[in-house]
Amino acid sequence: MSKFNIYLQLPAYLAEWLTHSFGSPVEFPPNSNECAIIRAFIQRLPPGALPDTVKDGNVAVAIPSSKAKPPMYFNYLSPRGKAALSEAIMDLFRRNLWAELSRVDTSARLNSKIYAWCEMHGIDIVHADTVRQKFYRMRNAYNRKGIFLGK
C-alpha cells in the first residue's frame, strides 16, 4: 500500500467495522474487489479539483500500489468512484453480517447475539440497533420471496 489516502464518508457503524477489520488507514487485501474498484476509478487530480483532505468522521483508505497507476500521480477518486467503493464496502459488511449471524438466528434472543457481534467487530453498542435492523431487513427480504430463513 502507498502512503496516499482517499477519504470516505460512511455511517458510523460501518466506519467502525471497517477500521476494526482493516486498520487505519484501511488497507484492503491486494486482490480484493475493493482494491480493484480503487484501481479502476483512481485518476490524476483534475484541473481545478482539490486533493482529498481529512475531515471529521471520514475514513482514510490507503490507495493500493500499482505500476500502471502510481499513487504519487493517481490519487484522486471522484465522488462517483467513492460511491462505488462505499457500495462495495457495504456489500462486504452485509456478507460478513449474514455469514456470521444467520447461523445463530435460531432463538428468540437475537438482540444479545447482535450486541456480541458488534462488540466482536469493534462497533459501538449505540449502533447495535442499526445493525440489528439491517439484519432483519435482509432476512425479511428473503421471507417475502418465500425463502424462510428464520423468525
C-alpha atoms as a PDB file:
ATOM      1  CA  MET A   1       0.000   0.000   0.000  1.00  0.00           C
ATOM      2  CA  SER A   2       1.060   3.533  -0.618  1.00  0.00           C
ATOM      3  CA  LYS A   3       1.193   6.445   1.758  1.00  0.00           C
ATOM      4  CA  PHE A   4      -1.547   8.180  -0.204  1.00  0.00           C
ATOM      5  CA  ASN A   5      -5.119   8.017   1.069  1.00  0.00           C
ATOM      6  CA  ILE A   6      -8.617   8.756  -0.085  1.00  0.00           C
ATOM      7  CA  TYR A   7     -11.291   9.670   2.439  1.00  0.00           C
ATOM      8  CA  LEU A   8     -14.810   8.232   2.566  1.00  0.00           C
ATOM      9  CA  GLN A   9     -17.841   9.482   4.453  1.00  0.00           C
ATOM     10  CA  LEU A  10     -19.502   6.345   5.858  1.00  0.00           C
ATOM     11  CA  PRO A  11     -22.158   5.683   8.516  1.00  0.00           C
ATOM     12  CA  ALA A  12     -20.536   5.427  11.963  1.00  0.00           C
ATOM     13  CA  TYR A  13     -21.221   1.686  12.428  1.00  0.00           C
ATOM     14  CA  LEU A  14     -19.726   0.924   9.008  1.00  0.00           C
ATOM     15  CA  ALA A  15     -16.654   3.095   9.648  1.00  0.00           C
ATOM     16  CA  GLU A  16     -16.071   1.351  12.994  1.00  0.00           C
ATOM     17  CA  TRP A  17     -16.428  -2.103  11.435  1.00  0.00           C
ATOM     18  CA  LEU A  18     -14.148  -1.187   8.541  1.00  0.00           C
ATOM     19  CA  THR A  19     -11.307   0.238  10.632  1.00  0.00           C
ATOM     20  CA  HIS A  20     -11.571  -2.629  13.130  1.00  0.00           C
ATOM     21  CA  SER A  21     -11.328  -5.159  10.292  1.00  0.00           C
ATOM     22  CA  PHE A  22      -8.727  -3.485   8.045  1.00  0.00           C
ATOM     23  CA  GLY A  23      -6.861  -0.981  10.233  1.00  0.00           C
ATOM     24  CA  SER A  24      -6.453   2.761   9.979  1.00  0.00           C
ATOM     25  CA  PRO A  25      -5.857   3.797   7.302  1.00  0.00           C
ATOM     26  CA  VAL A  26      -7.907   0.985   5.795  1.00  0.00           C
ATOM     27  CA  GLU A  27      -5.767  -1.392   3.732  1.00  0.00           C
ATOM     28  CA  PHE A  28      -7.753  -3.882   1.680  1.00  0.00           C
ATOM     29  CA  PRO A  29      -6.173  -7.182   0.622  1.00  0.00           C
ATOM     30  CA  PRO A  30      -4.270  -6.737  -2.660  1.00  0.00           C
ATOM     31  CA  ASN A  31      -6.572  -8.880  -4.822  1.00  0.00           C
ATOM     32  CA  SER A  32      -9.841  -7.780  -3.232  1.00  0.00           C
ATOM     33  CA  ASN A  33     -12.844  -6.372  -5.038  1.00  0.00           C
ATOM     34  CA  GLU A  34     -12.374  -3.100  -3.162  1.00  0.00           C
ATOM     35  CA  CYS A  35      -8.782  -2.702  -4.419  1.00  0.00           C
ATOM     36  CA  ALA A  36      -9.977  -3.477  -7.944  1.00  0.00           C
ATOM     37  CA  ILE A  37     -12.567  -0.704  -7.671  1.00  0.00           C
ATOM     38  CA  ILE A  38      -9.966   1.763  -6.429  1.00  0.00           C
ATOM     39  CA  ARG A  39      -7.541   0.812  -9.214  1.00  0.00           C
ATOM     40  CA  ALA A  40     -10.269   1.063 -11.852  1.00  0.00           C
ATOM     41  CA  PHE A  41     -11.503   4.517 -10.860  1.00  0.00           C
ATOM     42  CA  ILE A  42      -8.432   6.226  -9.387  1.00  0.00           C
ATOM     43  CA  GLN A  43      -7.218   9.048 -11.594  1.00  0.00           C
ATOM     44  CA  ARG A  44      -4.980  12.080 -11.714  1.00  0.00           C
ATOM     45  CA  LEU A  45      -6.250  15.139  -9.912  1.00  0.00           C
ATOM     46  CA  PRO A  46      -8.407  17.005 -12.461  1.00  0.00           C
ATOM     47  CA  PRO A  47      -7.618  20.681 -13.088  1.00  0.00           C
ATOM     48  CA  GLY A  48      -9.437  22.830 -10.566  1.00  0.00           C
ATOM     49  CA  ALA A  49     -10.180  19.948  -8.180  1.00  0.00           C
ATOM     50  CA  LEU A  50      -8.818  19.951  -4.649  1.00  0.00           C
ATOM     51  CA  PRO A  51      -6.981  16.944  -3.219  1.00  0.00           C
ATOM     52  CA  ASP A  52      -8.706  14.857  -0.559  1.00  0.00           C
ATOM     53  CA  THR A  53      -8.118  16.025   2.993  1.00  0.00           C
ATOM     54  CA  VAL A  54      -9.005  14.637   6.390  1.00  0.00           C
ATOM     55  CA  LYS A  55     -12.445  15.666   7.640  1.00  0.00           C
ATOM     56  CA  ASP A  56     -14.194  14.688  10.853  1.00  0.00           C
ATOM     57  CA  GLY A  57     -15.923  11.356  10.511  1.00  0.00           C
ATOM     58  CA  ASN A  58     -14.210  10.392   7.255  1.00  0.00           C
ATOM     59  CA  VAL A  59     -12.389   7.078   6.953  1.00  0.00           C
ATOM     60  CA  ALA A  60      -8.906   7.047   5.417  1.00  0.00           C
ATOM     61  CA  VAL A  61      -8.437   4.337   2.786  1.00  0.00           C
ATOM     62  CA  ALA A  62      -4.920   3.638   1.517  1.00  0.00           C
ATOM     63  CA  ILE A  63      -4.560   3.720  -2.251  1.00  0.00           C
ATOM     64  CA  PRO A  64      -3.116   0.372  -3.377  1.00  0.00           C
ATOM     65  CA  SER A  65       0.289   0.485  -5.063  1.00  0.00           C
ATOM     66  CA  SER A  66       0.189  -0.049  -8.793  1.00  0.00           C
ATOM     67  CA  LYS A  67       2.798   0.093 -11.546  1.00  0.00           C
ATOM     68  CA  ALA A  68       0.161   1.182 -14.043  1.00  0.00           C
ATOM     69  CA  LYS A  69      -1.192   3.943 -11.800  1.00  0.00           C
ATOM     70  CA  PRO A  70       1.416   5.059  -9.254  1.00  0.00           C
ATOM     71  CA  PRO A  71      -0.372   6.625  -6.252  1.00  0.00           C
ATOM     72  CA  MET A  72       2.027   9.574  -6.331  1.00  0.00           C
ATOM     73  CA  TYR A  73       0.289  10.712  -9.526  1.00  0.00           C
ATOM     74  CA  PHE A  74      -3.022   8.834  -9.433  1.00  0.00           C
ATOM     75  CA  ASN A  75      -4.563   9.795  -6.109  1.00  0.00           C
ATOM     76  CA  TYR A  76      -7.986  11.236  -6.890  1.00  0.00           C
ATOM     77  CA  LEU A  77     -11.214   9.259  -6.623  1.00  0.00           C
ATOM     78  CA  SER A  78     -14.241  11.083  -7.990  1.00  0.00           C
ATOM     79  CA  PRO A  79     -17.481  11.316  -5.997  1.00  0.00           C
ATOM     80  CA  ARG A  80     -18.970   8.539  -8.163  1.00  0.00           C
ATOM     81  CA  GLY A  81     -15.855   6.429  -7.668  1.00  0.00           C
ATOM     82  CA  LYS A  82     -16.207   6.940  -3.919  1.00  0.00           C
ATOM     83  CA  ALA A  83     -19.871   5.937  -4.172  1.00  0.00           C
ATOM     84  CA  ALA A  84     -18.881   2.708  -5.970  1.00  0.00           C
ATOM     85  CA  LEU A  85     -16.273   1.950  -3.305  1.00  0.00           C
ATOM     86  CA  SER A  86     -18.723   2.721  -0.484  1.00  0.00           C
ATOM     87  CA  GLU A  87     -21.270   0.386  -2.075  1.00  0.00           C
ATOM     88  CA  ALA A  88     -18.674  -2.415  -2.271  1.00  0.00           C
ATOM     89  CA  ILE A  89     -17.794  -1.847   1.390  1.00  0.00           C
ATOM     90  CA  MET A  90     -21.478  -2.034   2.362  1.00  0.00           C
ATOM     91  CA  ASP A  91     -21.822  -5.285   0.383  1.00  0.00           C
ATOM     92  CA  LEU A  92     -18.829  -6.729   2.207  1.00  0.00           C
ATOM     93  CA  PHE A  93     -20.315  -5.686   5.560  1.00  0.00           C
ATOM     94  CA  ARG A  94     -23.661  -7.309   4.703  1.00  0.00           C
ATOM     95  CA  ARG A  95     -21.984 -10.554   3.631  1.00  0.00           C
ATOM     96  CA  ASN A  96     -19.960 -10.621   6.851  1.00  0.00           C
ATOM     97  CA  LEU A  97     -23.038  -9.885   8.984  1.00  0.00           C
ATOM     98  CA  TRP A  98     -25.147 -12.510   7.226  1.00  0.00           C
ATOM     99  CA  ALA A  99     -22.441 -15.204   7.206  1.00  0.00           C
ATOM    100  CA  GLU A 100     -21.810 -14.904  10.920  1.00  0.00           C
ATOM    101  CA  LEU A 101     -25.303 -14.236  12.274  1.00  0.00           C
ATOM    102  CA  SER A 102     -27.533 -16.350  10.016  1.00  0.00           C
ATOM    103  CA  ARG A 103     -26.125 -19.492  11.648  1.00  0.00           C
ATOM    104  CA  VAL A 104     -27.125 -18.377  15.145  1.00  0.00           C
ATOM    105  CA  ASP A 105     -30.521 -16.886  14.241  1.00  0.00           C
ATOM    106  CA  THR A 106     -32.480 -19.800  15.714  1.00  0.00           C
ATOM    107  CA  SER A 107     -33.559 -18.490  19.072  1.00  0.00           C
ATOM    108  CA  ALA A 108     -35.766 -15.633  20.190  1.00  0.00           C
ATOM    109  CA  ARG A 109     -32.813 -13.803  21.820  1.00  0.00           C
ATOM    110  CA  LEU A 110     -31.197 -12.388  18.692  1.00  0.00           C
ATOM    111  CA  ASN A 111     -30.538  -8.988  20.309  1.00  0.00           C
ATOM    112  CA  SER A 112     -27.843 -10.332  22.635  1.00  0.00           C
ATOM    113  CA  LYS A 113     -26.187 -12.043  19.662  1.00  0.00           C
ATOM    114  CA  ILE A 114     -26.254  -8.788  17.680  1.00  0.00           C
ATOM    115  CA  TYR A 115     -24.656  -6.965  20.620  1.00  0.00           C
ATOM    116  CA  ALA A 116     -21.959  -9.640  20.888  1.00  0.00           C
ATOM    117  CA  TRP A 117     -21.341  -9.488  17.116  1.00  0.00           C
ATOM    118  CA  CYS A 118     -20.997  -5.698  17.236  1.00  0.00           C
ATOM    119  CA  GLU A 119     -18.592  -5.930  20.158  1.00  0.00           C
ATOM    120  CA  MET A 120     -16.542  -8.582  18.342  1.00  0.00           C
ATOM    121  CA  HIS A 121     -16.261  -6.334  15.254  1.00  0.00           C
ATOM    122  CA  GLY A 122     -15.442  -3.071  17.010  1.00  0.00           C
ATOM    123  CA  ILE A 123     -18.876  -1.481  16.549  1.00  0.00           C
ATOM    124  CA  ASP A 124     -20.028   0.737  19.418  1.00  0.00           C
ATOM    125  CA  ILE A 125     -23.108  -0.671  21.148  1.00  0.00           C
ATOM    126  CA  VAL A 126     -25.047   2.536  20.383  1.00  0.00           C
ATOM    127  CA  HIS A 127     -25.121   1.359  16.739  1.00  0.00           C
ATOM    128  CA  ALA A 128     -26.332  -2.169  17.545  1.00  0.00           C
ATOM    129  CA  ASP A 129     -29.969  -1.345  16.744  1.00  0.00           C
ATOM    130  CA  THR A 130     -28.933  -0.122  13.292  1.00  0.00           C
ATOM    131  CA  VAL A 131     -27.048  -3.360  12.685  1.00  0.00           C
ATOM    132  CA  ARG A 132     -29.991  -5.408  14.007  1.00  0.00           C
ATOM    133  CA  GLN A 133     -32.413  -3.636  11.658  1.00  0.00           C
ATOM    134  CA  LYS A 134     -30.062  -4.246   8.726  1.00  0.00           C
ATOM    135  CA  PHE A 135     -30.014  -7.979   9.582  1.00  0.00           C
ATOM    136  CA  TYR A 136     -33.812  -8.118   9.976  1.00  0.00           C
ATOM    137  CA  ARG A 137     -34.338  -6.367   6.634  1.00  0.00           C
ATOM    138  CA  MET A 138     -32.092  -8.844   4.834  1.00  0.00           C
ATOM    139  CA  ARG A 139     -33.854 -11.809   6.432  1.00  0.00           C
ATOM    140  CA  ASN A 140     -37.327 -10.371   5.765  1.00  0.00           C
ATOM    141  CA  ALA A 141     -36.480  -9.720   2.114  1.00  0.00           C
ATOM    142  CA  TYR A 142     -35.921 -13.464   1.703  1.00  0.00           C
ATOM    143  CA  ASN A 143     -39.081 -14.270   3.659  1.00  0.00           C
ATOM    144  CA  ARG A 144     -41.155 -12.090   1.295  1.00  0.00           C
ATOM    145  CA  LYS A 145     -39.873 -14.217  -1.600  1.00  0.00           C
ATOM    146  CA  GLY A 146     -40.949 -17.418   0.135  1.00  0.00           C
ATOM    147  CA  ILE A 147     -37.496 -18.382   1.379  1.00  0.00           C
ATOM    148  CA  PHE A 148     -37.843 -18.903   5.109  1.00  0.00           C
ATOM    149  CA  LEU A 149     -34.525 -18.332   6.879  1.00  0.00           C
ATOM    150  CA  GLY A 150     -35.644 -17.708  10.436  1.00  0.00           C
ATOM    151  CA  LYS A 151     -38.196 -15.983  12.636  1.00  0.00           C
END
